[in-house]
Amino acid sequence: MKVLTALIQTIVLLSVSMAANLKLPSDERSSPVAVGEAAPNFTLEDQNNNKVTLSDARGKSPVVLVFYRGYW
């Protein structure tokens, strides 16, 4: 019984910890980006784990976004 109680407590603590680390976007969109509309700013990691922000490249060089689902 003590093992089961300890397991449940561990699961609860992990769940609370994970929930506390969730970050929701502050300006969540409710509609897709329209044709001709500027893309919203975002930050992602490149293949070398460097952070890349869209606003850093905007106006300096062409930007191409490719969304790859990872499977077909």
PDB file of N, CA and C in Angstrom:
ATOM      1  N   MET A   1       0.813  -1.190   0.000  1.00  0.00           N
ATOM      2  CA  MET A   1       0.000   0.000   0.000  1.00  0.00           C
ATOM      3  C   MET A   1       0.868   1.270   0.000  1.00  0.00           C
ATOM      4  N   LYS A   2       2.007   1.222   0.716  1.00  0.00           N
ATOM      5  CA  LYS A   2       2.891   2.382   0.764  1.00  0.00           C
ATOM      6  C   LYS A   2       3.493   2.665  -0.616  1.00  0.00           C
ATOM      7  N   VAL A   3       3.782   1.605  -1.355  1.00  0.00           N
ATOM      8  CA  VAL A   3       4.353   1.781  -2.691  1.00  0.00           C
ATOM      9  C   VAL A   3       3.336   2.434  -3.613  1.00  0.00           C
ATOM     10  N   LEU A   4       2.102   2.022  -3.531  1.00  0.00           N
ATOM     11  CA  LEU A   4       1.047   2.603  -4.355  1.00  0.00           C
ATOM     12  C   LEU A   4       0.838   4.075  -4.015  1.00  0.00           C
ATOM     13  N   THR A   5       0.844   4.411  -2.744  1.00  0.00           N
ATOM     14  CA  THR A   5       0.694   5.800  -2.313  1.00  0.00           C
ATOM     15  C   THR A   5       1.854   6.653  -2.819  1.00  0.00           C
ATOM     16  N   ALA A   6       3.069   6.134  -2.723  1.00  0.00           N
ATOM     17  CA  ALA A   6       4.248   6.859  -3.196  1.00  0.00           C
ATOM     18  C   ALA A   6       4.184   7.055  -4.708  1.00  0.00           C
ATOM     19  N   LEU A   7       3.713   6.048  -5.421  1.00  0.00           N
ATOM     20  CA  LEU A   7       3.590   6.153  -6.875  1.00  0.00           C
ATOM     21  C   LEU A   7       2.568   7.224  -7.256  1.00  0.00           C
ATOM     22  N   ILE A   8       1.447   7.244  -6.594  1.00  0.00           N
ATOM     23  CA  ILE A   8       0.414   8.238  -6.876  1.00  0.00           C
ATOM     24  C   ILE A   8       0.915   9.644  -6.564  1.00  0.00           C
ATOM     25  N   GLN A   9       1.623   9.797  -5.450  1.00  0.00           N
ATOM     26  CA  GLN A   9       2.170  11.104  -5.095  1.00  0.00           C
ATOM     27  C   GLN A   9       3.180  11.575  -6.130  1.00  0.00           C
ATOM     28  N   THR A  10       4.010  10.663  -6.615  1.00  0.00           N
ATOM     29  CA  THR A  10       4.997  11.005  -7.635  1.00  0.00           C
ATOM     30  C   THR A  10       4.309  11.447  -8.920  1.00  0.00           C
ATOM     31  N   ILE A  11       3.287  10.735  -9.331  1.00  0.00           N
ATOM     32  CA  ILE A  11       2.556  11.093 -10.547  1.00  0.00           C
ATOM     33  C   ILE A  11       1.908  12.468 -10.400  1.00  0.00           C
ATOM     34  N   VAL A  12       1.316  12.743  -9.244  1.00  0.00           N
ATOM     35  CA  VAL A  12       0.687  14.041  -9.011  1.00  0.00           C
ATOM     36  C   VAL A  12       1.730  15.148  -9.051  1.00  0.00           C
ATOM     37  N   LEU A  13       2.870  14.946  -8.392  1.00  0.00           N
ATOM     38  CA  LEU A  13       3.925  15.962  -8.393  1.00  0.00           C
ATOM     39  C   LEU A  13       4.464  16.221  -9.801  1.00  0.00           C
ATOM     40  N   LEU A  14       4.667  15.171 -10.578  1.00  0.00           N
ATOM     41  CA  LEU A  14       5.134  15.347 -11.953  1.00  0.00           C
ATOM     42  C   LEU A  14       4.105  16.083 -12.805  1.00  0.00           C
ATOM     43  N   SER A  15       2.840  15.759 -12.612  1.00  0.00           N
ATOM     44  CA  SER A  15       1.779  16.420 -13.377  1.00  0.00           C
ATOM     45  C   SER A  15       1.719  17.906 -13.052  1.00  0.00           C
ATOM     46  N   VAL A  16       1.810  18.241 -11.766  1.00  0.00           N
ATOM     47  CA  VAL A  16       1.777  19.644 -11.360  1.00  0.00           C
ATOM     48  C   VAL A  16       2.996  20.379 -11.901  1.00  0.00           C
ATOM     49  N   SER A  17       4.156  19.730 -11.845  1.00  0.00           N
ATOM     50  CA  SER A  17       5.387  20.346 -12.350  1.00  0.00           C
ATOM     51  C   SER A  17       5.293  20.602 -13.853  1.00  0.00           C
ATOM     52  N   MET A  18       4.785  19.641 -14.596  1.00  0.00           N
ATOM     53  CA  MET A  18       4.657  19.802 -16.047  1.00  0.00           C
ATOM     54  C   MET A  18       3.651  20.895 -16.377  1.00  0.00           C
ATOM     55  N   ALA A  19       2.558  20.956 -15.662  1.00  0.00           N
ATOM     56  CA  ALA A  19       1.538  21.977 -15.907  1.00  0.00           C
ATOM     57  C   ALA A  19       2.077  23.366 -15.608  1.00  0.00           C
ATOM     58  N   ALA A  20       2.935  23.488 -14.610  1.00  0.00           N
ATOM     59  CA  ALA A  20       3.497  24.789 -14.248  1.00  0.00           C
ATOM     60  C   ALA A  20       4.466  25.288 -15.315  1.00  0.00           C
ATOM     61  N   ASN A  21       5.064  24.375 -16.067  1.00  0.00           N
ATOM     62  CA  ASN A  21       6.037  24.761 -17.088  1.00  0.00           C
ATOM     63  C   ASN A  21       5.415  25.047 -18.448  1.00  0.00           C
ATOM     64  N   LEU A  22       4.109  24.819 -18.585  1.00  0.00           N
ATOM     65  CA  LEU A  22       3.452  25.093 -19.858  1.00  0.00           C
ATOM     66  C   LEU A  22       3.391  26.600 -20.085  1.00  0.00           C
ATOM     67  N   LYS A  23       3.718  27.006 -21.299  1.00  0.00           N
ATOM     68  CA  LYS A  23       3.642  28.424 -21.645  1.00  0.00           C
ATOM     69  C   LYS A  23       2.675  28.570 -22.809  1.00  0.00           C
ATOM     70  N   LEU A  24       1.615  29.268 -22.580  1.00  0.00           N
ATOM     71  CA  LEU A  24       0.637  29.498 -23.628  1.00  0.00           C
ATOM     72  C   LEU A  24       1.001  30.773 -24.375  1.00  0.00           C
ATOM     73  N   PRO A  25       0.835  30.785 -25.698  1.00  0.00           N
ATOM     74  CA  PRO A  25       1.130  32.000 -26.446  1.00  0.00           C
ATOM     75  C   PRO A  25       0.242  33.150 -25.985  1.00  0.00           C
ATOM     76  N   SER A  26       0.835  34.325 -25.846  1.00  0.00           N
ATOM     77  CA  SER A  26       0.077  35.460 -25.327  1.00  0.00           C
ATOM     78  C   SER A  26      -0.856  36.063 -26.376  1.00  0.00           C
ATOM     79  N   ASP A  27      -0.465  35.990 -27.634  1.00  0.00           N
ATOM     80  CA  ASP A  27      -1.317  36.558 -28.676  1.00  0.00           C
ATOM     81  C   ASP A  27      -1.730  35.458 -29.651  1.00  0.00           C
ATOM     82  N   GLU A  28      -2.486  34.512 -29.128  1.00  0.00           N
ATOM     83  CA  GLU A  28      -2.937  33.382 -29.923  1.00  0.00           C
ATOM     84  C   GLU A  28      -3.916  33.853 -30.993  1.00  0.00           C
ATOM     85  N   ARG A  29      -3.709  33.396 -32.211  1.00  0.00           N
ATOM     86  CA  ARG A  29      -4.570  33.792 -33.320  1.00  0.00           C
ATOM     87  C   ARG A  29      -5.808  32.911 -33.354  1.00  0.00           C
ATOM     88  N   SER A  30      -6.907  33.502 -33.750  1.00  0.00           N
ATOM     89  CA  SER A  30      -8.129  32.732 -33.896  1.00  0.00           C
ATOM     90  C   SER A  30      -8.455  32.478 -35.366  1.00  0.00           C
ATOM     91  N   SER A  31      -7.635  33.055 -36.276  1.00  0.00           N
ATOM     92  CA  SER A  31      -7.848  32.848 -37.696  1.00  0.00           C
ATOM     93  C   SER A  31      -6.506  32.676 -38.391  1.00  0.00           C
ATOM     94  N   PRO A  32      -6.491  31.993 -39.534  1.00  0.00           N
ATOM     95  CA  PRO A  32      -5.230  31.812 -40.263  1.00  0.00           C
ATOM     96  C   PRO A  32      -4.728  33.126 -40.856  1.00  0.00           C
ATOM     97  N   VAL A  33      -3.468  33.134 -41.234  1.00  0.00           N
ATOM     98  CA  VAL A  33      -2.883  34.309 -41.883  1.00  0.00           C
ATOM     99  C   VAL A  33      -3.479  34.415 -43.280  1.00  0.00           C
ATOM    100  N   ALA A  34      -3.957  35.589 -43.622  1.00  0.00           N
ATOM    101  CA  ALA A  34      -4.579  35.800 -44.933  1.00  0.00           C
ATOM    102  C   ALA A  34      -3.513  36.018 -46.002  1.00  0.00           C
ATOM    103  N   VAL A  35      -3.888  35.799 -47.248  1.00  0.00           N
ATOM    104  CA  VAL A  35      -2.993  36.039 -48.374  1.00  0.00           C
ATOM    105  C   VAL A  35      -2.598  37.512 -48.381  1.00  0.00           C
ATOM    106  N   GLY A  36      -1.303  37.773 -48.456  1.00  0.00           N
ATOM    107  CA  GLY A  36      -0.796  39.136 -48.486  1.00  0.00           C
ATOM    108  C   GLY A  36      -0.543  39.727 -47.113  1.00  0.00           C
ATOM    109  N   GLU A  37      -0.998  39.059 -46.060  1.00  0.00           N
ATOM    110  CA  GLU A  37      -0.786  39.539 -44.695  1.00  0.00           C
ATOM    111  C   GLU A  37       0.610  39.127 -44.226  1.00  0.00           C
ATOM    112  N   ALA A  38       1.262  39.997 -43.455  1.00  0.00           N
ATOM    113  CA  ALA A  38       2.586  39.674 -42.919  1.00  0.00           C
ATOM    114  C   ALA A  38       2.465  38.537 -41.907  1.00  0.00           C
ATOM    115  N   ALA A  39       3.419  37.641 -41.939  1.00  0.00           N
ATOM    116  CA  ALA A  39       3.422  36.520 -40.991  1.00  0.00           C
ATOM    117  C   ALA A  39       3.682  37.038 -39.586  1.00  0.00           C
ATOM    118  N   PRO A  40       3.045  36.456 -38.593  1.00  0.00           N
ATOM    119  CA  PRO A  40       3.306  36.872 -37.218  1.00  0.00           C
ATOM    120  C   PRO A  40       4.719  36.471 -36.811  1.00  0.00           C
ATOM    121  N   ASN A  41       5.302  37.217 -35.899  1.00  0.00           N
ATOM    122  CA  ASN A  41       6.657  36.926 -35.469  1.00  0.00           C
ATOM    123  C   ASN A  41       6.697  35.623 -34.664  1.00  0.00           C
ATOM    124  N   PHE A  42       7.780  34.865 -34.814  1.00  0.00           N
ATOM    125  CA  PHE A  42       7.967  33.637 -34.055  1.00  0.00           C
ATOM    126  C   PHE A  42       9.455  33.346 -33.948  1.00  0.00           C
ATOM    127  N   THR A  43       9.807  32.483 -33.010  1.00  0.00           N
ATOM    128  CA  THR A  43      11.187  32.047 -32.815  1.00  0.00           C
ATOM    129  C   THR A  43      11.212  30.526 -32.823  1.00  0.00           C
ATOM    130  N   LEU A  44      12.129  29.971 -33.610  1.00  0.00           N
ATOM    131  CA  LEU A  44      12.318  28.524 -33.700  1.00  0.00           C
ATOM    132  C   LEU A  44      13.803  28.214 -33.620  1.00  0.00           C
ATOM    133  N   GLU A  45      14.134  26.936 -33.461  1.00  0.00           N
ATOM    134  CA  GLU A  45      15.524  26.514 -33.475  1.00  0.00           C
ATOM    135  C   GLU A  45      15.858  25.964 -34.852  1.00  0.00           C
ATOM    136  N   ASP A  46      17.083  26.286 -35.335  1.00  0.00           N
ATOM    137  CA  ASP A  46      17.530  25.726 -36.603  1.00  0.00           C
ATOM    138  C   ASP A  46      18.194  24.376 -36.370  1.00  0.00           C
ATOM    139  N   GLN A  47      18.778  23.806 -37.429  1.00  0.00           N
ATOM    140  CA  GLN A  47      19.383  22.481 -37.340  1.00  0.00           C
ATOM    141  C   GLN A  47      20.580  22.441 -36.398  1.00  0.00           C
ATOM    142  N   ASN A  48      21.139  23.602 -36.042  1.00  0.00           N
ATOM    143  CA  ASN A  48      22.274  23.672 -35.124  1.00  0.00           C
ATOM    144  C   ASN A  48      21.856  24.123 -33.725  1.00  0.00           C
ATOM    145  N   ASN A  49      20.553  24.088 -33.449  1.00  0.00           N
ATOM    146  CA  ASN A  49      19.974  24.490 -32.158  1.00  0.00           C
ATOM    147  C   ASN A  49      20.171  25.966 -31.838  1.00  0.00           C
ATOM    148  N   ASN A  50      20.372  26.803 -32.866  1.00  0.00           N
ATOM    149  CA  ASN A  50      20.440  28.251 -32.677  1.00  0.00           C
ATOM    150  C   ASN A  50      19.032  28.817 -32.816  1.00  0.00           C
ATOM    151  N   LYS A  51      18.676  29.758 -31.962  1.00  0.00           N
ATOM    152  CA  LYS A  51      17.355  30.376 -32.039  1.00  0.00           C
ATOM    153  C   LYS A  51      17.325  31.370 -33.196  1.00  0.00           C
ATOM    154  N   VAL A  52      16.300  31.268 -34.018  1.00  0.00           N
ATOM    155  CA  VAL A  52      16.115  32.131 -35.178  1.00  0.00           C
ATOM    156  C   VAL A  52      14.745  32.781 -35.050  1.00  0.00           C
ATOM    157  N   THR A  53      14.711  34.111 -35.135  1.00  0.00           N
ATOM    158  CA  THR A  53      13.465  34.855 -35.025  1.00  0.00           C
ATOM    159  C   THR A  53      13.126  35.476 -36.372  1.00  0.00           C
ATOM    160  N   LEU A  54      11.879  35.375 -36.769  1.00  0.00           N
ATOM    161  CA  LEU A  54      11.460  35.899 -38.064  1.00  0.00           C
ATOM    162  C   LEU A  54      11.743  37.385 -38.171  1.00  0.00           C
ATOM    163  N   SER A  55      11.500  38.144 -37.125  1.00  0.00           N
ATOM    164  CA  SER A  55      11.703  39.600 -37.197  1.00  0.00           C
ATOM    165  C   SER A  55      13.168  39.974 -37.431  1.00  0.00           C
ATOM    166  N   ASP A  56      14.106  39.095 -37.060  1.00  0.00           N
ATOM    167  CA  ASP A  56      15.525  39.375 -37.311  1.00  0.00           C
ATOM    168  C   ASP A  56      15.855  39.320 -38.802  1.00  0.00           C
ATOM    169  N   ALA A  57      15.162  38.465 -39.550  1.00  0.00           N
ATOM    170  CA  ALA A  57      15.438  38.315 -40.978  1.00  0.00           C
ATOM    171  C   ALA A  57      14.541  39.184 -41.846  1.00  0.00           C
ATOM    172  N   ARG A  58      13.417  39.619 -41.311  1.00  0.00           N
ATOM    173  CA  ARG A  58      12.449  40.382 -42.099  1.00  0.00           C
ATOM    174  C   ARG A  58      13.084  41.662 -42.627  1.00  0.00           C
ATOM    175  N   GLY A  59      13.006  41.862 -43.940  1.00  0.00           N
ATOM    176  CA  GLY A  59      13.530  43.063 -44.575  1.00  0.00           C
ATOM    177  C   GLY A  59      15.000  42.974 -44.937  1.00  0.00           C
ATOM    178  N   LYS A  60      15.709  41.952 -44.455  1.00  0.00           N
ATOM    179  CA  LYS A  60      17.136  41.807 -44.750  1.00  0.00           C
ATOM    180  C   LYS A  60      17.386  40.793 -45.848  1.00  0.00           C
ATOM    181  N   SER A  61      16.608  39.730 -45.862  1.00  0.00           N
ATOM    182  CA  SER A  61      16.776  38.682 -46.855  1.00  0.00           C
ATOM    183  C   SER A  61      15.442  37.980 -47.057  1.00  0.00           C
ATOM    184  N   PRO A  62      15.288  37.288 -48.188  1.00  0.00           N
ATOM    185  CA  PRO A  62      14.038  36.540 -48.396  1.00  0.00           C
ATOM    186  C   PRO A  62      13.901  35.429 -47.353  1.00  0.00           C
ATOM    187  N   VAL A  63      12.678  35.175 -46.931  1.00  0.00           N
ATOM    188  CA  VAL A  63      12.409  34.124 -45.952  1.00  0.00           C
ATOM    189  C   VAL A  63      11.460  33.127 -46.578  1.00  0.00           C
ATOM    190  N   VAL A  64      11.826  31.847 -46.523  1.00  0.00           N
ATOM    191  CA  VAL A  64      10.974  30.779 -47.031  1.00  0.00           C
ATOM    192  C   VAL A  64      10.623  29.870 -45.864  1.00  0.00           C
ATOM    193  N   LEU A  65       9.338  29.666 -45.647  1.00  0.00           N
ATOM    194  CA  LEU A  65       8.884  28.774 -44.583  1.00  0.00           C
ATOM    195  C   LEU A  65       8.432  27.467 -45.208  1.00  0.00           C
ATOM    196  N   VAL A  66       8.915  26.361 -44.675  1.00  0.00           N
ATOM    197  CA  VAL A  66       8.521  25.047 -45.147  1.00  0.00           C
ATOM    198  C   VAL A  66       7.985  24.280 -43.956  1.00  0.00           C
ATOM    199  N   PHE A  67       6.775  23.800 -44.074  1.00  0.00           N
ATOM    200  CA  PHE A  67       6.170  23.012 -43.009  1.00  0.00           C
ATOM    201  C   PHE A  67       6.201  21.554 -43.427  1.00  0.00           C
ATOM    202  N   TYR A  68       7.008  20.783 -42.757  1.00  0.00           N
ATOM    203  CA  TYR A  68       7.177  19.371 -43.059  1.00  0.00           C
ATOM    204  C   TYR A  68       6.537  18.557 -41.953  1.00  0.00           C
ATOM    205  N   ARG A  69       5.575  17.750 -42.294  1.00  0.00           N
ATOM    206  CA  ARG A  69       4.830  16.993 -41.293  1.00  0.00           C
ATOM    207  C   ARG A  69       5.634  15.834 -40.716  1.00  0.00           C
ATOM    208  N   GLY A  70       6.656  15.379 -41.410  1.00  0.00           N
ATOM    209  CA  GLY A  70       7.470  14.294 -40.887  1.00  0.00           C
ATOM    210  C   GLY A  70       7.025  12.917 -41.334  1.00  0.00           C
ATOM    211  N   TYR A  71       5.890  12.814 -41.937  1.00  0.00           N
ATOM    212  CA  TYR A  71       5.406  11.544 -42.468  1.00  0.00           C
ATOM    213  C   TYR A  71       4.426  11.837 -43.594  1.00  0.00           C
ATOM    214  N   TRP A  72       4.169  10.858 -44.401  1.00  0.00           N
ATOM    215  CA  TRP A  72       3.246  11.050 -45.537  1.00  0.00           C
ATOM    216  C   TRP A  72       2.143  10.069 -45.467  1.00  0.00           C
TER     217      TRP A  72
END
